[in-house]
């Protein structure tokens, strides 16, 4: 008997008829129940009217300060050959004059190209060391490479000072076969190994924008060296900064 009963349970009792019976309907009250206590304003006060009730403190707000590339203020009373702040003329540092037999006329300006020095890491910011470095670059370009002058038109040091190099009326020697109409700007440092200083970037932005405005150069004609020729210049730490300036509208 026990085995038979277990077998019936395991089979699900499929042959057992289901009998439905009527249940009595619920007897719902016809009136709503009345409150047992009088919760009126005369007997109770709201939380806001309680004496000395603490008030909620509003959550503090935070605004992300905008990123700006502000032009640096001039550090010296140098005259300028271009309507932009803090341009030091080549007469303040250059030991050699332009060899006019080895240069070509610029014939107008319609593009700008950004470079890095790409030699060794630069940490100095003082004027004297910077001038010695510029003189070394000029001597190397003119004596070793037989160029008519420094290859770039402007050089920006780690302190953000802008130094006039080759005169703008002459083509530079900074992008092979693309020097005509092309202003060359170089930042001191090796940006494969180090990052440009913030003041360098600010001066570069100011300088590029000034040239764009004075010569009607559109932003899509502001390049880095590697965008025109196969090279690492201006380095992996400067290349994205120029791209960000163009995209963010900081130029012009």
Protein backbone atom coordinates (compact mmCIF):
# COMPACT_ATOMS: atom_id res chain seq x y z
CA UNK A 1 0.00 0.00 0.00
CA UNK A 2 2.81 2.41 0.90
CA UNK A 3 4.61 1.78 -2.42
CA UNK A 4 1.37 2.34 -4.31
CA UNK A 5 0.82 5.65 -2.59
CA UNK A 6 4.38 6.82 -3.39
CA UNK A 7 3.89 5.85 -7.01
CA UNK A 8 0.72 7.88 -7.22
CA UNK A 9 2.47 11.00 -5.86
CA UNK A 10 5.38 10.62 -8.27
CA UNK A 11 2.98 10.31 -11.21
CA UNK A 12 1.38 13.63 -10.29
CA UNK A 13 -2.01 12.12 -9.54
CA UNK A 14 -3.14 12.87 -13.07
CA UNK A 15 -6.27 10.76 -12.78
CA UNK A 16 -7.58 12.51 -9.63
CA UNK A 17 -10.61 14.72 -10.51
CA UNK A 18 -10.50 18.36 -9.31
CA UNK A 19 -13.64 19.39 -7.41
CA UNK A 20 -14.43 23.13 -7.21
CA UNK A 21 -16.64 24.38 -4.40
CA UNK A 22 -18.32 27.78 -4.05
CA UNK A 23 -16.95 30.04 -1.33
CA UNK A 24 -18.99 32.69 0.54
CA UNK A 25 -18.61 36.26 -0.77
CA UNK A 26 -16.80 38.79 1.49
CA UNK A 27 -18.91 41.16 3.53
CA UNK A 28 -17.38 44.60 2.83
CA UNK A 29 -18.30 47.54 5.14
CA UNK A 30 -20.54 50.20 3.63
CA UNK A 31 -18.93 53.09 5.56
CA UNK A 32 -15.31 54.23 5.80
CA UNK A 33 -13.77 53.81 9.26
CA UNK A 34 -13.35 56.99 11.31
CA UNK A 35 -9.95 57.97 12.78
CA UNK A 36 -9.46 57.10 16.41
CA UNK A 37 -7.54 60.34 17.17
CA UNK A 38 -7.95 63.93 16.08
CA UNK A 39 -4.79 64.77 14.14
CA UNK A 40 -5.56 68.44 13.57
CA UNK A 41 -3.22 71.38 13.36
CA UNK A 42 -4.50 72.58 16.72
CA UNK A 43 -3.12 69.48 18.41
CA UNK A 44 -0.01 68.86 16.32
CA UNK A 45 2.60 71.07 14.65
CA UNK A 46 4.34 70.33 11.43
CA UNK A 47 8.10 69.66 11.43
CA UNK A 48 8.86 72.98 9.83
CA UNK A 49 7.16 74.94 12.65
CA UNK A 50 8.86 73.13 15.52
CA UNK A 51 11.17 75.43 17.51
CA UNK A 52 14.89 75.07 16.82
CA UNK A 53 14.26 72.52 14.08
CA UNK A 54 17.46 71.93 12.09
CA UNK A 55 17.25 72.97 8.46
CA UNK A 56 18.79 70.83 5.72
CA UNK A 57 22.15 72.04 4.43
CA UNK A 58 22.20 72.54 0.64
CA UNK A 59 24.70 70.40 -1.24
CA UNK A 60 27.82 72.31 -2.24
CA UNK A 61 28.20 73.17 -5.90
CA UNK A 62 31.42 72.96 -7.91
CA UNK A 63 32.19 74.45 -11.26
CA UNK A 64 35.12 73.25 -13.36
CA UNK A 65 37.27 76.28 -14.21
CA UNK A 66 37.61 76.77 -17.97
CA UNK A 67 40.94 75.92 -19.57
CA UNK A 68 42.47 78.95 -21.16
CA UNK A 69 45.65 79.65 -23.05
CA UNK A 70 46.28 83.21 -21.96
CA UNK A 71 49.07 85.15 -23.58
CA UNK A 72 51.96 85.88 -21.18
CA UNK A 73 52.83 89.40 -20.16
CA UNK A 74 56.05 90.88 -21.56
CA UNK A 75 59.01 90.45 -19.23
CA UNK A 76 61.26 92.98 -20.95
CA UNK A 77 60.82 96.22 -22.84
CA UNK A 78 61.80 94.80 -26.21
CA UNK A 79 60.44 96.25 -29.41
CA UNK A 80 58.51 93.94 -31.68
CA UNK A 81 58.44 93.41 -35.41
CA UNK A 82 55.03 91.73 -35.19
CA UNK A 83 51.87 92.83 -33.38
CA UNK A 84 52.13 90.24 -30.61
CA UNK A 85 53.48 90.56 -27.05
CA UNK A 86 56.94 89.57 -25.86
CA UNK A 87 58.82 89.14 -29.13
CA UNK A 88 62.55 89.66 -28.65
CA UNK A 89 64.25 90.93 -31.84
CA UNK A 90 67.15 88.97 -33.29
CA UNK A 91 69.41 91.97 -32.74
CA UNK A 92 69.28 91.18 -29.00
CA UNK A 93 70.96 87.79 -29.40
CA UNK A 94 72.15 86.91 -32.95
CA UNK A 95 75.91 86.88 -33.55
CA UNK A 96 75.65 86.33 -37.31
CA UNK A 97 73.77 88.21 -40.02
CA UNK A 98 71.53 86.59 -42.59
CA UNK A 99 73.43 85.36 -45.63
CA UNK A 100 71.12 86.81 -48.26
CA UNK A 101 72.77 84.77 -51.02
CA UNK A 102 71.42 81.58 -49.45
CA UNK A 103 67.84 82.60 -48.77
CA UNK A 104 64.71 83.07 -50.90
CA UNK A 105 61.93 85.57 -50.56
CA UNK A 106 58.86 84.44 -48.61
CA UNK A 107 56.40 85.85 -51.21
CA UNK A 108 53.58 86.17 -48.75
CA UNK A 109 52.36 84.02 -45.85
CA UNK A 110 49.55 81.48 -45.96
CA UNK A 111 50.57 78.72 -43.54
CA UNK A 112 52.26 78.11 -40.17
CA UNK A 113 54.22 75.05 -39.04
CA UNK A 114 55.09 74.13 -35.45
CA UNK A 115 58.32 72.31 -34.49
CA UNK A 116 60.37 71.23 -31.50
CA UNK A 117 64.12 71.51 -31.19
CA UNK A 118 64.40 67.75 -30.79
CA UNK A 119 67.92 67.75 -29.40
CA UNK A 120 68.23 67.34 -25.62
CA UNK A 121 65.89 67.92 -22.67
CA UNK A 122 65.68 71.63 -21.83
CA UNK A 123 65.11 72.74 -18.24
CA UNK A 124 66.79 76.15 -18.21
CA UNK A 125 64.71 79.32 -18.35
CA UNK A 126 67.22 82.13 -17.78
CA UNK A 127 67.91 84.61 -20.55
CA UNK A 128 71.67 84.13 -20.83
CA UNK A 129 71.55 80.35 -21.22
CA UNK A 130 68.73 80.68 -23.72
CA UNK A 131 70.67 83.20 -25.79
CA UNK A 132 73.69 80.88 -25.84
CA UNK A 133 71.47 78.06 -27.04
CA UNK A 134 70.03 80.19 -29.86
CA UNK A 135 73.51 81.23 -30.93
CA UNK A 136 74.56 77.58 -31.01
CA UNK A 137 71.54 76.71 -33.19
CA UNK A 138 72.28 79.59 -35.55
CA UNK A 139 75.94 78.63 -35.83
CA UNK A 140 75.07 74.98 -36.50
CA UNK A 141 72.49 75.86 -39.17
CA UNK A 142 74.74 78.32 -40.96
CA UNK A 143 78.13 76.60 -40.59
CA UNK A 144 77.24 72.91 -40.63
CA UNK A 145 74.19 72.93 -42.88
CA UNK A 146 75.18 75.92 -45.00
CA UNK A 147 71.82 77.61 -44.57
CA UNK A 148 71.38 81.35 -44.88
CA UNK A 149 70.25 81.72 -41.25
CA UNK A 150 68.42 79.91 -38.47
CA UNK A 151 65.89 77.57 -40.03
CA UNK A 152 62.92 78.96 -38.04
CA UNK A 153 61.32 82.37 -37.93
CA UNK A 154 60.47 82.31 -34.21
CA UNK A 155 61.74 80.30 -31.24
CA UNK A 156 59.85 79.99 -27.93
CA UNK A 157 61.83 79.10 -24.80
CA UNK A 158 60.71 77.33 -21.61
CA UNK A 159 59.90 80.65 -19.94
CA UNK A 160 57.49 81.57 -22.74
CA UNK A 161 59.70 84.23 -24.29
CA UNK A 162 59.39 84.52 -28.07
CA UNK A 163 62.65 85.15 -29.91
CA UNK A 164 62.77 86.45 -33.46
CA UNK A 165 65.02 84.23 -35.59
CA UNK A 166 65.03 84.35 -39.40
CA UNK A 167 63.34 87.51 -40.73
CA UNK A 168 59.81 86.87 -42.02
CA UNK A 169 60.60 88.29 -45.43
CA UNK A 170 62.75 85.22 -46.11
CA UNK A 171 61.67 81.62 -46.50
CA UNK A 172 62.72 79.41 -43.62
CA UNK A 173 64.46 76.03 -43.73
CA UNK A 174 62.14 73.94 -41.59
CA UNK A 175 59.94 71.86 -43.98
CA UNK A 176 61.67 70.51 -47.07
CA UNK A 177 60.13 71.80 -50.31
CA UNK A 178 57.34 73.56 -48.37
CA UNK A 179 59.09 76.60 -46.96
CA UNK A 180 57.58 79.20 -49.26
CA UNK A 181 54.72 81.14 -47.60
CA UNK A 182 55.34 79.05 -44.45
CA UNK A 183 56.15 80.56 -41.02
CA UNK A 184 58.25 78.22 -38.88
CA UNK A 185 57.83 78.33 -35.09
CA UNK A 186 60.05 76.15 -32.89
CA UNK A 187 59.70 75.41 -29.18
CA UNK A 188 62.92 74.71 -27.28
CA UNK A 189 63.02 71.18 -25.89
CA UNK A 190 62.72 67.57 -26.95
CA UNK A 191 59.05 66.68 -26.74
CA UNK A 192 59.66 63.04 -27.34
CA UNK A 193 61.21 63.07 -23.84
CA UNK A 194 59.55 65.96 -22.01
CA UNK A 195 56.36 68.01 -22.09
CA UNK A 196 56.24 71.65 -23.16
CA UNK A 197 55.76 74.09 -20.31
CA UNK A 198 52.37 75.73 -19.87
CA UNK A 199 53.84 79.15 -20.59
CA UNK A 200 55.41 77.82 -23.78
CA UNK A 201 52.00 76.60 -24.93
CA UNK A 202 50.42 79.93 -24.01
CA UNK A 203 53.04 81.83 -26.01
CA UNK A 204 52.69 79.46 -28.95
CA UNK A 205 48.93 79.98 -28.97
CA UNK A 206 49.36 83.75 -28.80
CA UNK A 207 52.02 83.79 -31.50
CA UNK A 208 50.12 81.54 -33.89
CA UNK A 209 46.91 83.53 -33.38
CA UNK A 210 48.72 86.82 -34.05
CA UNK A 211 50.18 85.54 -37.32
CA UNK A 212 46.83 84.08 -38.34
CA UNK A 213 45.12 87.41 -37.75
CA UNK A 214 47.75 89.57 -39.42
CA UNK A 215 48.14 87.40 -42.54
CA UNK A 216 44.65 85.86 -42.75
CA UNK A 217 45.92 82.31 -42.27
CA UNK A 218 42.97 79.91 -41.68
CA UNK A 219 43.18 77.40 -38.85
CA UNK A 220 43.26 74.44 -41.24
CA UNK A 221 46.58 75.76 -42.54
CA UNK A 222 48.24 75.59 -39.12
CA UNK A 223 50.33 72.42 -39.14
CA UNK A 224 52.88 70.46 -37.22
CA UNK A 225 55.99 69.21 -39.01
CA UNK A 226 54.84 65.59 -38.98
CA UNK A 227 51.59 66.56 -40.69
CA UNK A 228 53.57 67.68 -43.72
CA UNK A 229 56.56 65.32 -43.75
CA UNK A 230 57.42 61.90 -42.27
CA UNK A 231 59.08 62.89 -38.97
CA UNK A 232 58.51 62.67 -35.22
CA UNK A 233 58.66 66.47 -34.94
CA UNK A 234 57.20 68.17 -32.90
CA UNK A 235 57.26 65.16 -30.58
CA UNK A 236 54.58 63.00 -28.99
CA UNK A 237 54.03 65.43 -26.10
CA UNK A 238 53.51 68.52 -28.27
CA UNK A 239 51.64 67.08 -31.24
CA UNK A 240 48.35 66.46 -29.35
CA UNK A 241 48.49 69.90 -27.75
CA UNK A 242 48.45 71.65 -31.11
CA UNK A 243 45.65 69.37 -32.29
CA UNK A 244 43.66 70.28 -29.16
CA UNK A 245 44.21 74.00 -29.76
CA UNK A 246 42.85 73.72 -33.30
CA UNK A 247 39.79 71.69 -32.29
CA UNK A 248 38.93 73.79 -29.26
CA UNK A 249 38.97 77.11 -31.09
CA UNK A 250 41.92 78.57 -29.15
CA UNK A 251 43.62 79.67 -32.36
CA UNK A 252 42.70 82.67 -34.42
